[in-house]
PDB file of N, CA and C in Angstrom:
ATOM      1  N   MET A   1     103.154 116.558 101.413  1.00  0.00           N
ATOM      2  CA  MET A   1     101.788 116.466 100.975  1.00  0.00           C
ATOM      3  C   MET A   1     101.434 114.976 100.837  1.00  0.00           C
ATOM      4  N   THR A   2     100.305 114.605 101.336  1.00  0.00           N
ATOM      5  CA  THR A   2      99.902 113.202 101.277  1.00  0.00           C
ATOM      6  C   THR A   2      99.425 112.813  99.887  1.00  0.00           C
ATOM      7  N   ASP A   3      99.416 111.526  99.647  1.00  0.00           N
ATOM      8  CA  ASP A   3      98.904 111.032  98.364  1.00  0.00           C
ATOM      9  C   ASP A   3      97.454 111.462  98.159  1.00  0.00           C
ATOM     10  N   LYS A   4      96.673 111.365  99.222  1.00  0.00           N
ATOM     11  CA  LYS A   4      95.265 111.732  99.118  1.00  0.00           C
ATOM     12  C   LYS A   4      95.109 113.200  98.737  1.00  0.00           C
ATOM     13  N   THR A   5      95.895 114.056  99.355  1.00  0.00           N
ATOM     14  CA  THR A   5      95.826 115.484  99.064  1.00  0.00           C
ATOM     15  C   THR A   5      96.204 115.747  97.609  1.00  0.00           C
ATOM     16  N   GLN A   6      97.255 115.091  97.138  1.00  0.00           N
ATOM     17  CA  GLN A   6      97.671 115.270  95.746  1.00  0.00           C
ATOM     18  C   GLN A   6      96.593 114.781  94.790  1.00  0.00           C
ATOM     19  N   ALA A   7      95.975 113.650  95.110  1.00  0.00           N
ATOM     20  CA  ALA A   7      94.917 113.116  94.254  1.00  0.00           C
ATOM     21  C   ALA A   7      93.734 114.075  94.209  1.00  0.00           C
ATOM     22  N   LEU A   8      93.334 114.582  95.353  1.00  0.00           N
ATOM     23  CA  LEU A   8      92.203 115.508  95.394  1.00  0.00           C
ATOM     24  C   LEU A   8      92.503 116.791  94.621  1.00  0.00           C
ATOM     25  N   GLN A   9      93.721 117.293  94.735  1.00  0.00           N
ATOM     26  CA  GLN A   9      94.093 118.499  93.993  1.00  0.00           C
ATOM     27  C   GLN A   9      94.065 118.244  92.492  1.00  0.00           C
ATOM     28  N   ALA A  10      94.560 117.079  92.078  1.00  0.00           N
ATOM     29  CA  ALA A  10      94.555 116.748  90.652  1.00  0.00           C
ATOM     30  C   ALA A  10      93.124 116.660  90.134  1.00  0.00           C
ATOM     31  N   ILE A  11      92.250 116.034  90.912  1.00  0.00           N
ATOM     32  CA  ILE A  11      90.849 115.907  90.503  1.00  0.00           C
ATOM     33  C   ILE A  11      90.193 117.276  90.445  1.00  0.00           C
ATOM     34  N   ASP A  12      90.482 118.126  91.420  1.00  0.00           N
ATOM     35  CA  ASP A  12      89.898 119.470  91.437  1.00  0.00           C
ATOM     36  C   ASP A  12      90.293 120.289  90.210  1.00  0.00           C
ATOM     37  N   LYS A  13      91.479 120.034  89.662  1.00  0.00           N
ATOM     38  CA  LYS A  13      91.947 120.780  88.498  1.00  0.00           C
ATOM     39  C   LYS A  13      91.325 120.291  87.191  1.00  0.00           C
ATOM     40  N   MET A  14      90.700 119.124  87.243  1.00  0.00           N
ATOM     41  CA  MET A  14      90.083 118.570  86.034  1.00  0.00           C
ATOM     42  C   MET A  14      88.745 119.250  85.781  1.00  0.00           C
ATOM     43  N   PRO A  15      88.301 119.256  84.527  1.00  0.00           N
ATOM     44  CA  PRO A  15      87.003 119.868  84.225  1.00  0.00           C
ATOM     45  C   PRO A  15      85.865 119.088  84.896  1.00  0.00           C
ATOM     46  N   GLU A  16      84.781 119.789  85.164  1.00  0.00           N
ATOM     47  CA  GLU A  16      83.617 119.154  85.792  1.00  0.00           C
ATOM     48  C   GLU A  16      83.080 118.014  84.936  1.00  0.00           C
ATOM     49  N   SER A  17      83.322 118.084  83.643  1.00  0.00           N
ATOM     50  CA  SER A  17      82.810 117.064  82.732  1.00  0.00           C
ATOM     51  C   SER A  17      83.698 115.814  82.673  1.00  0.00           C
ATOM     52  N   ALA A  18      84.786 115.796  83.439  1.00  0.00           N
ATOM     53  CA  ALA A  18      85.698 114.644  83.407  1.00  0.00           C
ATOM     54  C   ALA A  18      84.957 113.372  83.801  1.00  0.00           C
ATOM     55  N   SER A  19      85.187 112.332  83.008  1.00  0.00           N
ATOM     56  CA  SER A  19      84.549 111.052  83.307  1.00  0.00           C
ATOM     57  C   SER A  19      85.340 110.312  84.388  1.00  0.00           C
ATOM     58  N   MET A  20      84.708 109.301  84.943  1.00  0.00           N
ATOM     59  CA  MET A  20      85.380 108.486  85.948  1.00  0.00           C
ATOM     60  C   MET A  20      86.628 107.849  85.347  1.00  0.00           C
ATOM     61  N   ARG A  21      86.531 107.404  84.095  1.00  0.00           N
ATOM     62  CA  ARG A  21      87.689 106.797  83.426  1.00  0.00           C
ATOM     63  C   ARG A  21      88.838 107.804  83.306  1.00  0.00           C
ATOM     64  N   GLU A  22      88.528 109.036  82.941  1.00  0.00           N
ATOM     65  CA  GLU A  22      89.566 110.067  82.831  1.00  0.00           C
ATOM     66  C   GLU A  22      90.210 110.343  84.179  1.00  0.00           C
ATOM     67  N   ILE A  23      89.413 110.355  85.211  1.00  0.00           N
ATOM     68  CA  ILE A  23      89.941 110.589  86.558  1.00  0.00           C
ATOM     69  C   ILE A  23      90.872 109.455  86.962  1.00  0.00           C
ATOM     70  N   VAL A  24      90.431 108.230  86.731  1.00  0.00           N
ATOM     71  CA  VAL A  24      91.246 107.066  87.082  1.00  0.00           C
ATOM     72  C   VAL A  24      92.541 107.065  86.277  1.00  0.00           C
ATOM     73  N   GLU A  25      92.460 107.400  84.991  1.00  0.00           N
ATOM     74  CA  GLU A  25      93.657 107.440  84.153  1.00  0.00           C
ATOM     75  C   GLU A  25      94.639 108.492  84.658  1.00  0.00           C
ATOM     76  N   ARG A  26      94.130 109.651  85.058  1.00  0.00           N
ATOM     77  CA  ARG A  26      95.009 110.704  85.580  1.00  0.00           C
ATOM     78  C   ARG A  26      95.721 110.231  86.849  1.00  0.00           C
ATOM     79  N   LEU A  27      94.969 109.608  87.746  1.00  0.00           N
ATOM     80  CA  LEU A  27      95.564 109.134  88.996  1.00  0.00           C
ATOM     81  C   LEU A  27      96.571 108.008  88.742  1.00  0.00           C
ATOM     82  N   ALA A  28      96.263 107.123  87.789  1.00  0.00           N
ATOM     83  CA  ALA A  28      97.194 106.050  87.447  1.00  0.00           C
ATOM     84  C   ALA A  28      98.478 106.629  86.855  1.00  0.00           C
ATOM     85  N   PHE A  29      98.340 107.654  86.024  1.00  0.00           N
ATOM     86  CA  PHE A  29      99.507 108.319  85.443  1.00  0.00           C
ATOM     87  C   PHE A  29     100.375 108.920  86.550  1.00  0.00           C
ATOM     88  N   MET A  30      99.729 109.610  87.478  1.00  0.00           N
ATOM     89  CA  MET A  30     100.464 110.218  88.590  1.00  0.00           C
ATOM     90  C   MET A  30     101.180 109.154  89.427  1.00  0.00           C
ATOM     91  N   ALA A  31     100.511 108.036  89.664  1.00  0.00           N
ATOM     92  CA  ALA A  31     101.113 106.950  90.442  1.00  0.00           C
ATOM     93  C   ALA A  31     102.318 106.369  89.706  1.00  0.00           C
ATOM     94  N   GLY A  32     102.204 106.239  88.383  1.00  0.00           N
ATOM     95  CA  GLY A  32     103.316 105.716  87.598  1.00  0.00           C
ATOM     96  C   GLY A  32     104.532 106.630  87.634  1.00  0.00           C
ATOM     97  N   ILE A  33     104.283 107.918  87.543  1.00  0.00           N
ATOM     98  CA  ILE A  33     105.387 108.890  87.635  1.00  0.00           C
ATOM     99  C   ILE A  33     106.066 108.794  88.996  1.00  0.00           C
ATOM    100  N   ARG A  34     105.261 108.750  90.040  1.00  0.00           N
ATOM    101  CA  ARG A  34     105.831 108.662  91.384  1.00  0.00           C
ATOM    102  C   ARG A  34     106.647 107.386  91.548  1.00  0.00           C
ATOM    103  N   GLU A  35     106.121 106.271  91.049  1.00  0.00           N
ATOM    104  CA  GLU A  35     106.843 105.004  91.152  1.00  0.00           C
ATOM    105  C   GLU A  35     108.176 105.075  90.416  1.00  0.00           C
ATOM    106  N   GLY A  36     108.169 105.674  89.224  1.00  0.00           N
ATOM    107  CA  GLY A  36     109.406 105.815  88.466  1.00  0.00           C
ATOM    108  C   GLY A  36     110.432 106.669  89.185  1.00  0.00           C
ATOM    109  N   LEU A  37     109.986 107.756  89.786  1.00  0.00           N
ATOM    110  CA  LEU A  37     110.917 108.615  90.532  1.00  0.00           C
ATOM    111  C   LEU A  37     111.477 107.897  91.756  1.00  0.00           C
ATOM    112  N   GLU A  38     110.642 107.112  92.410  1.00  0.00           N
ATOM    113  CA  GLU A  38     111.115 106.346  93.569  1.00  0.00           C
ATOM    114  C   GLU A  38     112.144 105.302  93.141  1.00  0.00           C
ATOM    115  N   GLN A  39     111.932 104.680  91.985  1.00  0.00           N
ATOM    116  CA  GLN A  39     112.905 103.713  91.472  1.00  0.00           C
ATOM    117  C   GLN A  39     114.239 104.394  91.186  1.00  0.00           C
ATOM    118  N   LEU A  40     114.184 105.584  90.609  1.00  0.00           N
ATOM    119  CA  LEU A  40     115.423 106.325  90.356  1.00  0.00           C
ATOM    120  C   LEU A  40     116.136 106.651  91.662  1.00  0.00           C
ATOM    121  N   ASP A  41     115.374 107.053  92.679  1.00  0.00           N
ATOM    122  CA  ASP A  41     115.965 107.354  93.982  1.00  0.00           C
ATOM    123  C   ASP A  41     116.659 106.132  94.586  1.00  0.00           C
ATOM    124  N   ARG A  42     116.127 104.926  94.282  1.00  0.00           N
ATOM    125  CA  ARG A  42     116.722 103.692  94.794  1.00  0.00           C
ATOM    126  C   ARG A  42     117.860 103.196  93.898  1.00  0.00           C
ATOM    127  N   GLY A  43     118.149 103.923  92.840  1.00  0.00           N
ATOM    128  CA  GLY A  43     119.227 103.542  91.936  1.00  0.00           C
ATOM    129  C   GLY A  43     118.825 102.480  90.934  1.00  0.00           C
ATOM    130  N   GLN A  44     117.541 102.235  90.781  1.00  0.00           N
ATOM    131  CA  GLN A  44     117.053 101.240  89.830  1.00  0.00           C
ATOM    132  C   GLN A  44     116.840 101.911  88.479  1.00  0.00           C
ATOM    133  N   LYS A  45     117.927 101.991  87.728  1.00  0.00           N
ATOM    134  CA  LYS A  45     117.886 102.674  86.436  1.00  0.00           C
ATOM    135  C   LYS A  45     118.088 101.678  85.314  1.00  0.00           C
ATOM    136  N   ILE A  46     117.607 102.019  84.131  1.00  0.00           N
ATOM    137  CA  ILE A  46     117.809 101.208  82.937  1.00  0.00           C
ATOM    138  C   ILE A  46     118.768 101.982  82.030  1.00  0.00           C
ATOM    139  N   PRO A  47     119.857 101.349  81.650  1.00  0.00           N
ATOM    140  CA  PRO A  47     120.807 102.048  80.770  1.00  0.00           C
ATOM    141  C   PRO A  47     120.143 102.441  79.443  1.00  0.00           C
ATOM    142  N   ILE A  48     120.506 103.582  78.908  1.00  0.00           N
ATOM    143  CA  ILE A  48     119.922 104.068  77.668  1.00  0.00           C
ATOM    144  C   ILE A  48     120.133 103.076  76.536  1.00  0.00           C
ATOM    145  N   SER A  49     121.238 102.353  76.549  1.00  0.00           N
ATOM    146  CA  SER A  49     121.489 101.365  75.496  1.00  0.00           C
ATOM    147  C   SER A  49     120.433 100.260  75.514  1.00  0.00           C
ATOM    148  N   ALA A  50     119.966  99.869  76.680  1.00  0.00           N
ATOM    149  CA  ALA A  50     118.916  98.845  76.780  1.00  0.00           C
ATOM    150  C   ALA A  50     117.588  99.385  76.257  1.00  0.00           C
ATOM    151  N   ILE A  51     117.324 100.642  76.529  1.00  0.00           N
ATOM    152  CA  ILE A  51     116.088 101.258  76.031  1.00  0.00           C
ATOM    153  C   ILE A  51     116.130 101.372  74.518  1.00  0.00           C
ATOM    154  N   GLU A  52     117.268 101.811  73.983  1.00  0.00           N
ATOM    155  CA  GLU A  52     117.408 101.934  72.529  1.00  0.00           C
ATOM    156  C   GLU A  52     117.228 100.586  71.851  1.00  0.00           C
ATOM    157  N   LYS A  53     117.748  99.523  72.460  1.00  0.00           N
ATOM    158  CA  LYS A  53     117.613  98.181  71.899  1.00  0.00           C
ATOM    159  C   LYS A  53     116.137  97.778  71.862  1.00  0.00           C
ATOM    160  N   LYS A  54     115.398  98.073  72.926  1.00  0.00           N
ATOM    161  CA  LYS A  54     113.970  97.743  72.956  1.00  0.00           C
ATOM    162  C   LYS A  54     113.207  98.531  71.893  1.00  0.00           C
ATOM    163  N   ILE A  55     113.550  99.796  71.720  1.00  0.00           N
ATOM    164  CA  ILE A  55     112.857 100.624  70.733  1.00  0.00           C
ATOM    165  C   ILE A  55     113.111 100.105  69.322  1.00  0.00           C
ATOM    166  N   ARG A  56     114.330  99.696  69.051  1.00  0.00           N
ATOM    167  CA  ARG A  56     114.653  99.153  67.712  1.00  0.00           C
ATOM    168  C   ARG A  56     113.858  97.886  67.430  1.00  0.00           C
ATOM    169  N   ALA A  57     113.467  97.166  68.473  1.00  0.00           N
ATOM    170  CA  ALA A  57     112.722  95.914  68.303  1.00  0.00           C
ATOM    171  C   ALA A  57     111.227  96.162  68.084  1.00  0.00           C
ATOM    172  N   TRP A  58     110.757  97.398  68.290  1.00  0.00           N
ATOM    173  CA  TRP A  58     109.341  97.688  68.086  1.00  0.00           C
ATOM    174  C   TRP A  58     108.961  97.474  66.623  1.00  0.00           C
ATOM    175  N   PRO A  59     107.761  96.989  66.390  1.00  0.00           N
ATOM    176  CA  PRO A  59     107.302  96.885  64.996  1.00  0.00           C
ATOM    177  C   PRO A  59     107.161  98.263  64.380  1.00  0.00           C
ATOM    178  N   THR A  60     107.369  98.358  63.080  1.00  0.00           N
ATOM    179  CA  THR A  60     107.304  99.661  62.420  1.00  0.00           C
ATOM    180  C   THR A  60     105.907  99.984  61.910  1.00  0.00           C
ATOM    181  N   LYS A  61     104.988  99.061  61.984  1.00  0.00           N
ATOM    182  CA  LYS A  61     103.623  99.319  61.511  1.00  0.00           C
ATOM    183  C   LYS A  61     102.710  99.625  62.645  1.00  0.00           C
TER     184      LYS A  61
END
């Protein structure tokens, strides 16, 4: 399935009242997921220990 076809299907599933911003956000989310999966396929992974370290550094407020 092409990117265009997937984008059109995603838009078709959204309510008629969806704003342009909501549509763009949905497509950006889909693109981010695809990019992440492609990175995993290429073996570009982040060890869980590195993620945990970043989370511990987040501000608590």
